[in-house]
N, C-alpha and C. Protein backbone atom coordinates (compact mmCIF):
# COMPACT_ATOMS: atom_id res chain seq x y z
N MET A 1 -1.81 -11.23 24.03
CA MET A 1 -1.52 -12.13 22.94
C MET A 1 -1.25 -11.30 21.69
N GLY A 2 -0.23 -11.66 20.96
CA GLY A 2 0.14 -10.90 19.79
C GLY A 2 -0.41 -11.50 18.51
N ILE A 3 -0.12 -10.80 17.44
CA ILE A 3 -0.53 -11.25 16.11
C ILE A 3 0.42 -12.35 15.66
N GLN A 4 -0.12 -13.39 15.09
CA GLN A 4 0.68 -14.44 14.49
C GLN A 4 -0.01 -14.85 13.20
N PHE A 5 0.74 -14.97 12.13
CA PHE A 5 0.11 -15.32 10.87
C PHE A 5 1.04 -16.18 10.03
N ARG A 6 0.46 -16.75 9.01
CA ARG A 6 1.23 -17.55 8.07
C ARG A 6 0.70 -17.25 6.67
N GLU A 7 1.61 -16.94 5.76
CA GLU A 7 1.22 -16.69 4.38
C GLU A 7 0.75 -18.00 3.75
N PRO A 8 -0.19 -17.94 2.80
CA PRO A 8 -0.63 -19.17 2.12
C PRO A 8 0.56 -19.92 1.52
N GLY A 9 0.63 -21.20 1.80
CA GLY A 9 1.71 -22.03 1.28
C GLY A 9 2.98 -22.01 2.11
N ASP A 10 3.04 -21.16 3.14
CA ASP A 10 4.22 -21.06 3.99
C ASP A 10 4.02 -21.94 5.21
N VAL A 11 5.09 -22.57 5.68
CA VAL A 11 4.99 -23.42 6.87
C VAL A 11 5.35 -22.67 8.15
N LEU A 12 5.97 -21.51 8.03
CA LEU A 12 6.39 -20.75 9.19
C LEU A 12 5.31 -19.78 9.65
N PHE A 13 5.18 -19.67 10.96
CA PHE A 13 4.33 -18.63 11.52
C PHE A 13 5.20 -17.42 11.80
N TYR A 14 4.67 -16.24 11.55
CA TYR A 14 5.38 -15.00 11.81
C TYR A 14 4.68 -14.28 12.94
N SER A 15 5.46 -13.65 13.78
CA SER A 15 4.91 -12.87 14.88
C SER A 15 5.53 -11.48 14.84
N PRO A 16 4.89 -10.53 14.17
CA PRO A 16 5.45 -9.19 14.10
C PRO A 16 5.70 -8.58 15.48
N ASP A 17 4.83 -8.83 16.44
CA ASP A 17 5.02 -8.29 17.79
C ASP A 17 6.36 -8.74 18.37
N ARG A 18 6.61 -10.02 18.30
CA ARG A 18 7.85 -10.59 18.85
C ARG A 18 9.06 -10.06 18.08
N ASP A 19 8.96 -10.02 16.76
CA ASP A 19 10.08 -9.56 15.95
C ASP A 19 10.41 -8.10 16.25
N VAL A 20 9.38 -7.26 16.40
CA VAL A 20 9.61 -5.85 16.71
C VAL A 20 10.24 -5.72 18.11
N ALA A 21 9.84 -6.54 19.05
CA ALA A 21 10.42 -6.47 20.40
C ALA A 21 11.93 -6.70 20.34
N HIS A 22 12.37 -7.57 19.45
CA HIS A 22 13.80 -7.85 19.33
C HIS A 22 14.59 -6.67 18.76
N ILE A 23 14.00 -5.91 17.87
CA ILE A 23 14.73 -4.82 17.21
C ILE A 23 14.41 -3.44 17.77
N TRP A 24 13.46 -3.36 18.70
CA TRP A 24 12.93 -2.06 19.13
C TRP A 24 13.98 -1.10 19.67
N THR A 25 14.89 -1.57 20.52
CA THR A 25 15.90 -0.69 21.10
C THR A 25 16.74 -0.05 20.01
N ALA A 26 17.15 -0.84 19.02
CA ALA A 26 17.95 -0.30 17.92
C ALA A 26 17.14 0.71 17.11
N VAL A 27 15.88 0.41 16.86
CA VAL A 27 15.02 1.32 16.09
C VAL A 27 14.87 2.65 16.83
N VAL A 28 14.60 2.61 18.12
CA VAL A 28 14.41 3.83 18.89
C VAL A 28 15.71 4.64 18.94
N LYS A 29 16.85 3.97 19.11
CA LYS A 29 18.13 4.70 19.13
C LYS A 29 18.35 5.45 17.83
N VAL A 30 18.14 4.79 16.71
CA VAL A 30 18.33 5.45 15.41
C VAL A 30 17.34 6.59 15.24
N ALA A 31 16.08 6.36 15.61
CA ALA A 31 15.06 7.41 15.48
C ALA A 31 15.39 8.62 16.35
N MET A 32 15.83 8.39 17.56
CA MET A 32 16.14 9.50 18.46
C MET A 32 17.37 10.27 17.96
N ARG A 33 18.36 9.55 17.41
CA ARG A 33 19.51 10.24 16.82
C ARG A 33 19.06 11.13 15.66
N GLY A 34 18.01 10.72 14.97
CA GLY A 34 17.49 11.49 13.85
C GLY A 34 16.79 12.77 14.27
N LEU A 35 16.63 12.97 15.57
CA LEU A 35 16.03 14.21 16.06
C LEU A 35 17.08 15.30 16.29
N ASP A 36 18.36 14.93 16.18
CA ASP A 36 19.43 15.92 16.27
C ASP A 36 19.37 16.79 15.03
N GLN A 37 19.47 18.09 15.20
CA GLN A 37 19.25 19.03 14.10
C GLN A 37 20.11 18.73 12.88
N VAL A 38 21.32 18.22 13.05
CA VAL A 38 22.17 17.93 11.89
C VAL A 38 21.64 16.76 11.07
N ALA A 39 20.74 15.98 11.65
CA ALA A 39 20.22 14.80 10.95
C ALA A 39 18.77 14.96 10.49
N TRP A 40 18.20 16.15 10.63
CA TRP A 40 16.80 16.33 10.28
C TRP A 40 16.55 16.05 8.80
N PRO A 41 15.57 15.20 8.51
CA PRO A 41 15.20 15.00 7.11
C PRO A 41 14.49 16.24 6.58
N GLY A 42 14.46 16.40 5.26
CA GLY A 42 13.89 17.59 4.64
C GLY A 42 12.47 17.92 5.04
N TRP A 43 11.63 16.94 5.26
CA TRP A 43 10.22 17.20 5.60
C TRP A 43 10.07 17.79 7.00
N LEU A 44 11.05 17.50 7.87
CA LEU A 44 10.88 17.87 9.27
C LEU A 44 10.99 19.37 9.51
N VAL A 45 11.89 20.03 8.82
CA VAL A 45 12.12 21.46 9.06
C VAL A 45 10.84 22.28 8.86
N PRO A 46 10.15 22.15 7.71
CA PRO A 46 8.92 22.94 7.56
C PRO A 46 7.83 22.54 8.56
N PHE A 47 7.76 21.27 8.93
CA PHE A 47 6.76 20.83 9.90
C PHE A 47 7.03 21.47 11.26
N LEU A 48 8.31 21.48 11.66
CA LEU A 48 8.66 22.08 12.95
C LEU A 48 8.36 23.58 12.96
N ARG A 49 8.71 24.25 11.88
CA ARG A 49 8.45 25.69 11.80
C ARG A 49 6.95 25.98 11.83
N ALA A 50 6.20 25.22 11.05
CA ALA A 50 4.75 25.46 10.96
C ALA A 50 4.06 25.22 12.30
N ASN A 51 4.66 24.39 13.14
CA ASN A 51 4.03 24.06 14.42
C ASN A 51 4.78 24.65 15.62
N SER A 52 5.72 25.55 15.35
CA SER A 52 6.49 26.22 16.41
C SER A 52 7.10 25.23 17.39
N ILE A 53 7.81 24.25 16.84
CA ILE A 53 8.45 23.22 17.66
C ILE A 53 9.95 23.50 17.69
N SER A 54 10.51 23.58 18.89
CA SER A 54 11.94 23.84 19.06
C SER A 54 12.69 22.54 19.34
N GLU A 55 14.02 22.64 19.33
CA GLU A 55 14.83 21.47 19.68
C GLU A 55 14.59 21.05 21.12
N SER A 56 14.38 22.01 22.00
CA SER A 56 14.10 21.64 23.40
C SER A 56 12.76 20.93 23.51
N ASP A 57 11.79 21.30 22.68
CA ASP A 57 10.51 20.58 22.64
C ASP A 57 10.75 19.13 22.22
N LEU A 58 11.60 18.95 21.20
CA LEU A 58 11.90 17.59 20.72
C LEU A 58 12.61 16.77 21.79
N THR A 59 13.50 17.42 22.52
CA THR A 59 14.21 16.74 23.60
C THR A 59 13.24 16.27 24.67
N GLU A 60 12.30 17.13 25.02
CA GLU A 60 11.28 16.78 26.01
C GLU A 60 10.43 15.60 25.52
N ALA A 61 10.03 15.65 24.24
CA ALA A 61 9.21 14.58 23.67
C ALA A 61 9.98 13.26 23.62
N ALA A 62 11.24 13.33 23.20
CA ALA A 62 12.07 12.12 23.13
C ALA A 62 12.26 11.52 24.52
N SER A 63 12.48 12.36 25.50
CA SER A 63 12.66 11.89 26.87
C SER A 63 11.41 11.18 27.39
N ALA A 64 10.25 11.79 27.16
CA ALA A 64 8.99 11.17 27.60
C ALA A 64 8.78 9.84 26.89
N PHE A 65 9.08 9.79 25.60
CA PHE A 65 8.89 8.56 24.84
C PHE A 65 9.81 7.46 25.36
N VAL A 66 11.08 7.78 25.56
CA VAL A 66 12.04 6.77 26.04
C VAL A 66 11.64 6.27 27.42
N LYS A 67 11.16 7.15 28.28
CA LYS A 67 10.67 6.71 29.60
C LYS A 67 9.53 5.70 29.43
N GLY A 68 8.61 5.99 28.52
CA GLY A 68 7.51 5.06 28.27
C GLY A 68 7.99 3.73 27.73
N VAL A 69 8.93 3.77 26.79
CA VAL A 69 9.49 2.53 26.24
C VAL A 69 10.13 1.71 27.35
N ASN A 70 10.89 2.37 28.20
CA ASN A 70 11.55 1.65 29.29
C ASN A 70 10.54 1.01 30.24
N ARG A 71 9.39 1.63 30.40
CA ARG A 71 8.35 1.07 31.28
C ARG A 71 7.61 -0.11 30.64
N CYS A 72 7.70 -0.25 29.32
CA CYS A 72 6.99 -1.34 28.62
C CYS A 72 7.43 -2.72 29.08
N THR A 73 8.63 -2.85 29.60
CA THR A 73 9.12 -4.16 30.03
C THR A 73 8.67 -4.53 31.44
N SER A 74 7.93 -3.65 32.09
CA SER A 74 7.45 -3.91 33.44
C SER A 74 6.25 -4.86 33.39
N ALA A 75 6.38 -6.00 34.05
CA ALA A 75 5.32 -7.01 34.06
C ALA A 75 4.08 -6.53 34.81
N GLU A 76 4.24 -5.55 35.71
CA GLU A 76 3.11 -5.07 36.51
C GLU A 76 2.13 -4.22 35.69
N LEU A 77 2.59 -3.66 34.60
CA LEU A 77 1.74 -2.78 33.81
C LEU A 77 0.93 -3.59 32.80
N GLY A 78 -0.33 -3.22 32.65
CA GLY A 78 -1.23 -4.01 31.83
C GLY A 78 -1.43 -3.54 30.40
N SER A 79 -0.89 -2.36 30.07
CA SER A 79 -1.13 -1.86 28.72
C SER A 79 -0.07 -0.85 28.32
N PHE A 80 -0.02 -0.61 27.04
CA PHE A 80 0.85 0.43 26.47
C PHE A 80 0.50 1.79 27.08
N VAL A 81 -0.78 2.08 27.16
CA VAL A 81 -1.22 3.37 27.71
C VAL A 81 -0.75 3.51 29.16
N GLU A 82 -0.86 2.46 29.92
CA GLU A 82 -0.41 2.49 31.31
C GLU A 82 1.10 2.72 31.39
N ALA A 83 1.85 2.09 30.48
CA ALA A 83 3.31 2.26 30.47
C ALA A 83 3.71 3.70 30.19
N PHE A 84 2.97 4.38 29.33
CA PHE A 84 3.33 5.75 28.96
C PHE A 84 2.69 6.81 29.86
N SER A 85 1.74 6.41 30.69
CA SER A 85 1.12 7.35 31.63
C SER A 85 2.15 7.76 32.68
N GLY A 86 2.15 9.02 33.02
CA GLY A 86 3.07 9.50 34.04
C GLY A 86 4.46 9.82 33.53
N THR A 87 4.70 9.62 32.23
CA THR A 87 6.01 9.93 31.66
C THR A 87 6.05 11.31 31.04
N GLY A 88 4.89 11.93 30.90
CA GLY A 88 4.78 13.21 30.22
C GLY A 88 4.38 13.07 28.76
N TRP A 89 4.33 11.84 28.27
CA TRP A 89 4.01 11.59 26.87
C TRP A 89 2.63 12.11 26.48
N TYR A 90 1.63 11.79 27.27
CA TYR A 90 0.27 12.18 26.93
C TYR A 90 -0.02 13.66 27.19
N GLU A 91 0.88 14.31 27.91
CA GLU A 91 0.72 15.74 28.15
C GLU A 91 1.36 16.58 27.04
N LEU A 92 2.12 15.95 26.17
CA LEU A 92 2.77 16.67 25.06
C LEU A 92 1.75 17.11 24.03
N ARG A 93 2.07 18.18 23.32
CA ARG A 93 1.25 18.58 22.18
C ARG A 93 1.24 17.44 21.17
N PRO A 94 0.12 17.18 20.53
CA PRO A 94 0.04 16.08 19.56
C PRO A 94 1.09 16.18 18.45
N GLU A 95 1.43 17.38 18.03
CA GLU A 95 2.42 17.55 16.96
C GLU A 95 3.79 17.00 17.37
N LEU A 96 4.13 17.10 18.64
CA LEU A 96 5.39 16.55 19.13
C LEU A 96 5.37 15.03 19.09
N ARG A 97 4.24 14.45 19.48
CA ARG A 97 4.12 12.99 19.43
C ARG A 97 4.19 12.51 17.98
N VAL A 98 3.63 13.29 17.06
CA VAL A 98 3.67 12.94 15.64
C VAL A 98 5.11 12.90 15.14
N VAL A 99 5.93 13.87 15.54
CA VAL A 99 7.32 13.89 15.09
C VAL A 99 8.05 12.63 15.56
N ILE A 100 7.88 12.28 16.83
CA ILE A 100 8.55 11.08 17.36
C ILE A 100 8.09 9.85 16.60
N MET A 101 6.78 9.69 16.44
CA MET A 101 6.26 8.51 15.76
C MET A 101 6.65 8.49 14.28
N ALA A 102 6.71 9.66 13.66
CA ALA A 102 7.11 9.72 12.25
C ALA A 102 8.57 9.27 12.09
N ARG A 103 9.44 9.69 12.99
CA ARG A 103 10.85 9.27 12.91
C ARG A 103 10.94 7.75 13.09
N ILE A 104 10.19 7.22 14.03
CA ILE A 104 10.20 5.76 14.24
C ILE A 104 9.67 5.07 12.99
N GLY A 105 8.61 5.63 12.41
CA GLY A 105 8.07 5.06 11.17
C GLY A 105 9.08 5.06 10.05
N GLU A 106 9.85 6.15 9.94
CA GLU A 106 10.89 6.19 8.90
C GLU A 106 11.95 5.12 9.13
N VAL A 107 12.36 4.96 10.38
CA VAL A 107 13.38 3.95 10.69
C VAL A 107 12.84 2.55 10.40
N LEU A 108 11.60 2.27 10.82
CA LEU A 108 11.01 0.97 10.54
C LEU A 108 10.85 0.72 9.05
N THR A 109 10.56 1.78 8.30
CA THR A 109 10.48 1.64 6.85
C THR A 109 11.85 1.30 6.28
N GLY A 110 12.89 1.88 6.85
CA GLY A 110 14.26 1.52 6.44
C GLY A 110 14.58 0.07 6.77
N VAL A 111 14.10 -0.41 7.91
CA VAL A 111 14.28 -1.82 8.27
C VAL A 111 13.56 -2.70 7.24
N TYR A 112 12.35 -2.29 6.86
CA TYR A 112 11.60 -3.03 5.84
C TYR A 112 12.38 -3.05 4.53
N TRP A 113 12.90 -1.89 4.14
CA TRP A 113 13.68 -1.78 2.89
C TRP A 113 14.84 -2.76 2.91
N ASN A 114 15.56 -2.81 4.03
CA ASN A 114 16.67 -3.77 4.15
C ASN A 114 16.16 -5.21 4.11
N GLY A 115 15.03 -5.46 4.77
CA GLY A 115 14.47 -6.82 4.77
C GLY A 115 14.07 -7.28 3.39
N VAL A 116 13.52 -6.37 2.59
CA VAL A 116 13.14 -6.72 1.21
C VAL A 116 14.36 -7.17 0.43
N ARG A 117 15.49 -6.54 0.69
CA ARG A 117 16.71 -6.89 -0.02
C ARG A 117 17.23 -8.27 0.36
N GLN A 118 16.73 -8.82 1.45
CA GLN A 118 17.11 -10.18 1.82
C GLN A 118 16.24 -11.21 1.12
N LEU A 119 15.20 -10.75 0.45
CA LEU A 119 14.36 -11.63 -0.36
C LEU A 119 14.99 -11.75 -1.75
N ASP A 120 14.42 -12.57 -2.57
CA ASP A 120 14.90 -12.71 -3.95
C ASP A 120 14.26 -11.60 -4.78
N ILE A 121 14.84 -10.38 -4.72
CA ILE A 121 14.22 -9.25 -5.39
C ILE A 121 14.43 -9.27 -6.90
N ASP A 122 15.21 -10.24 -7.38
CA ASP A 122 15.34 -10.39 -8.83
C ASP A 122 14.16 -11.17 -9.41
N ASP A 123 13.38 -11.78 -8.54
CA ASP A 123 12.22 -12.56 -8.98
C ASP A 123 11.01 -11.61 -9.08
N PRO A 124 10.53 -11.33 -10.30
CA PRO A 124 9.40 -10.41 -10.46
C PRO A 124 8.17 -10.81 -9.66
N ALA A 125 7.95 -12.11 -9.45
CA ALA A 125 6.79 -12.57 -8.70
C ALA A 125 6.88 -12.14 -7.23
N VAL A 126 8.09 -12.17 -6.67
CA VAL A 126 8.28 -11.76 -5.28
C VAL A 126 7.97 -10.28 -5.14
N ILE A 127 8.50 -9.47 -6.03
CA ILE A 127 8.27 -8.02 -5.98
C ILE A 127 6.79 -7.71 -6.21
N ALA A 128 6.18 -8.38 -7.15
CA ALA A 128 4.75 -8.16 -7.42
C ALA A 128 3.91 -8.48 -6.18
N ALA A 129 4.25 -9.58 -5.51
CA ALA A 129 3.50 -9.97 -4.31
C ALA A 129 3.66 -8.94 -3.20
N LEU A 130 4.88 -8.44 -3.02
CA LEU A 130 5.12 -7.43 -2.00
C LEU A 130 4.35 -6.15 -2.30
N LYS A 131 4.40 -5.71 -3.54
CA LYS A 131 3.70 -4.49 -3.90
C LYS A 131 2.20 -4.64 -3.71
N LYS A 132 1.68 -5.77 -4.15
CA LYS A 132 0.24 -5.98 -4.04
C LYS A 132 -0.20 -6.00 -2.58
N ARG A 133 0.51 -6.78 -1.78
CA ARG A 133 0.10 -6.96 -0.39
C ARG A 133 0.37 -5.72 0.47
N ASP A 134 1.52 -5.12 0.33
CA ASP A 134 1.92 -4.07 1.25
C ASP A 134 1.57 -2.66 0.78
N VAL A 135 2.04 -2.27 -0.37
CA VAL A 135 1.86 -0.90 -0.82
C VAL A 135 0.39 -0.60 -1.09
N GLU A 136 -0.31 -1.49 -1.78
CA GLU A 136 -1.72 -1.24 -2.08
C GLU A 136 -2.57 -1.24 -0.81
N ASN A 137 -2.26 -2.14 0.12
CA ASN A 137 -3.00 -2.16 1.38
C ASN A 137 -2.75 -0.89 2.18
N LEU A 138 -1.51 -0.40 2.17
CA LEU A 138 -1.20 0.84 2.87
C LEU A 138 -1.93 2.02 2.24
N ALA A 139 -1.96 2.07 0.92
CA ALA A 139 -2.66 3.15 0.24
C ALA A 139 -4.14 3.14 0.61
N LEU A 140 -4.75 1.96 0.63
CA LEU A 140 -6.16 1.85 1.00
C LEU A 140 -6.38 2.31 2.44
N MET A 141 -5.51 1.90 3.34
CA MET A 141 -5.64 2.28 4.74
C MET A 141 -5.56 3.81 4.89
N LEU A 142 -4.60 4.44 4.20
CA LEU A 142 -4.47 5.89 4.30
C LEU A 142 -5.69 6.60 3.73
N ARG A 143 -6.21 6.09 2.63
CA ARG A 143 -7.41 6.70 2.05
C ARG A 143 -8.59 6.59 3.02
N GLU A 144 -8.71 5.44 3.69
CA GLU A 144 -9.78 5.27 4.68
C GLU A 144 -9.59 6.23 5.86
N GLN A 145 -8.34 6.38 6.32
CA GLN A 145 -8.06 7.32 7.41
C GLN A 145 -8.44 8.74 7.00
N TRP A 146 -8.09 9.10 5.78
CA TRP A 146 -8.39 10.45 5.29
C TRP A 146 -9.89 10.66 5.23
N SER A 147 -10.63 9.66 4.75
CA SER A 147 -12.08 9.77 4.68
C SER A 147 -12.69 9.96 6.06
N ARG A 148 -12.21 9.18 7.04
CA ARG A 148 -12.71 9.31 8.41
C ARG A 148 -12.37 10.68 8.99
N ALA A 149 -11.15 11.15 8.74
CA ALA A 149 -10.74 12.45 9.27
C ALA A 149 -11.57 13.57 8.66
N ASN A 150 -11.87 13.46 7.39
CA ASN A 150 -12.67 14.50 6.73
C ASN A 150 -14.13 14.45 7.14
N SER A 151 -14.63 13.28 7.49
CA SER A 151 -16.05 13.18 7.84
C SER A 151 -16.31 13.55 9.29
N SER A 152 -15.25 13.59 10.10
CA SER A 152 -15.46 13.93 11.52
C SER A 152 -15.55 15.44 11.69
N SER A 153 -16.09 15.84 12.80
CA SER A 153 -16.17 17.27 13.09
C SER A 153 -14.95 17.71 13.89
N SER A 154 -13.93 16.86 13.89
CA SER A 154 -12.73 17.13 14.66
C SER A 154 -12.00 18.37 14.16
N SER A 155 -11.37 19.06 15.08
CA SER A 155 -10.57 20.23 14.70
C SER A 155 -9.10 19.87 14.58
N ASP A 156 -8.79 18.59 14.46
CA ASP A 156 -7.40 18.15 14.35
C ASP A 156 -6.89 18.36 12.93
N SER A 157 -6.76 19.62 12.52
CA SER A 157 -6.34 19.90 11.15
C SER A 157 -4.92 19.41 10.90
N TRP A 158 -4.06 19.38 11.92
CA TRP A 158 -2.70 18.89 11.73
C TRP A 158 -2.72 17.43 11.32
N PHE A 159 -3.66 16.63 11.89
CA PHE A 159 -3.76 15.23 11.53
C PHE A 159 -4.21 15.08 10.08
N LYS A 160 -5.19 15.87 9.69
CA LYS A 160 -5.68 15.83 8.32
C LYS A 160 -4.56 16.19 7.35
N LYS A 161 -3.79 17.21 7.69
CA LYS A 161 -2.66 17.60 6.83
C LYS A 161 -1.63 16.47 6.74
N LEU A 162 -1.37 15.83 7.86
CA LEU A 162 -0.39 14.75 7.88
C LEU A 162 -0.84 13.57 7.03
N VAL A 163 -2.10 13.18 7.15
CA VAL A 163 -2.62 12.06 6.36
C VAL A 163 -2.61 12.42 4.88
N LYS A 164 -3.01 13.63 4.56
CA LYS A 164 -3.01 14.07 3.16
C LYS A 164 -1.59 14.04 2.59
N PHE A 165 -0.62 14.50 3.38
CA PHE A 165 0.78 14.47 2.96
C PHE A 165 1.23 13.03 2.73
N ALA A 166 0.88 12.13 3.65
CA ALA A 166 1.29 10.72 3.51
C ALA A 166 0.67 10.09 2.26
N ILE A 167 -0.58 10.41 1.98
CA ILE A 167 -1.23 9.87 0.77
C ILE A 167 -0.50 10.36 -0.48
N ARG A 168 -0.16 11.65 -0.51
CA ARG A 168 0.55 12.17 -1.70
C ARG A 168 1.90 11.48 -1.86
N ARG A 169 2.62 11.29 -0.77
CA ARG A 169 3.93 10.63 -0.86
C ARG A 169 3.78 9.19 -1.32
N LEU A 170 2.77 8.49 -0.82
CA LEU A 170 2.54 7.11 -1.21
C LEU A 170 2.12 7.02 -2.66
N GLN A 171 1.26 7.92 -3.10
CA GLN A 171 0.83 7.92 -4.50
C GLN A 171 2.02 8.11 -5.44
N ALA A 172 3.01 8.87 -4.99
CA ALA A 172 4.21 9.07 -5.81
C ALA A 172 4.99 7.77 -5.97
N LEU A 173 4.84 6.86 -5.00
CA LEU A 173 5.54 5.57 -5.09
C LEU A 173 4.83 4.58 -5.99
N LEU A 174 3.52 4.73 -6.15
CA LEU A 174 2.75 3.75 -6.94
C LEU A 174 2.90 3.96 -8.42
């Protein structure tokens, strides 16, 4: 069962799970195209160098991810984890999985950006509501993630660096 919600005063129910299922293939295609070296965003080059990730590593990660996505439509599988098991996804270095997920996150953020433009963005109340609900909630979530990562005895320093980087980027937006 997926998430379904309704904003106060709204008569429509929204189902992000269902909506994402409709756009997922397009999102993944754009994200995977973004792994081609000519399309690398500025943040990716230093991350790849710092983690000794090659283009062939990215190709392997993208292939494992796409195999998992293709298995998600199988009715016999009971979970996301089951769909991605056996594809090589969970055997990849975590840094490779982070690159794939970060590209997808960037594409989904672009989808959000386009969606906001379909709202009445000339209405200050609409923009204020979006900022309050989305950006502030995201900032809080990242701060909580950072606190948990710092309080754990985990040696996942790459994760801590990534969360710290995301917090700095988000703070620049606020």
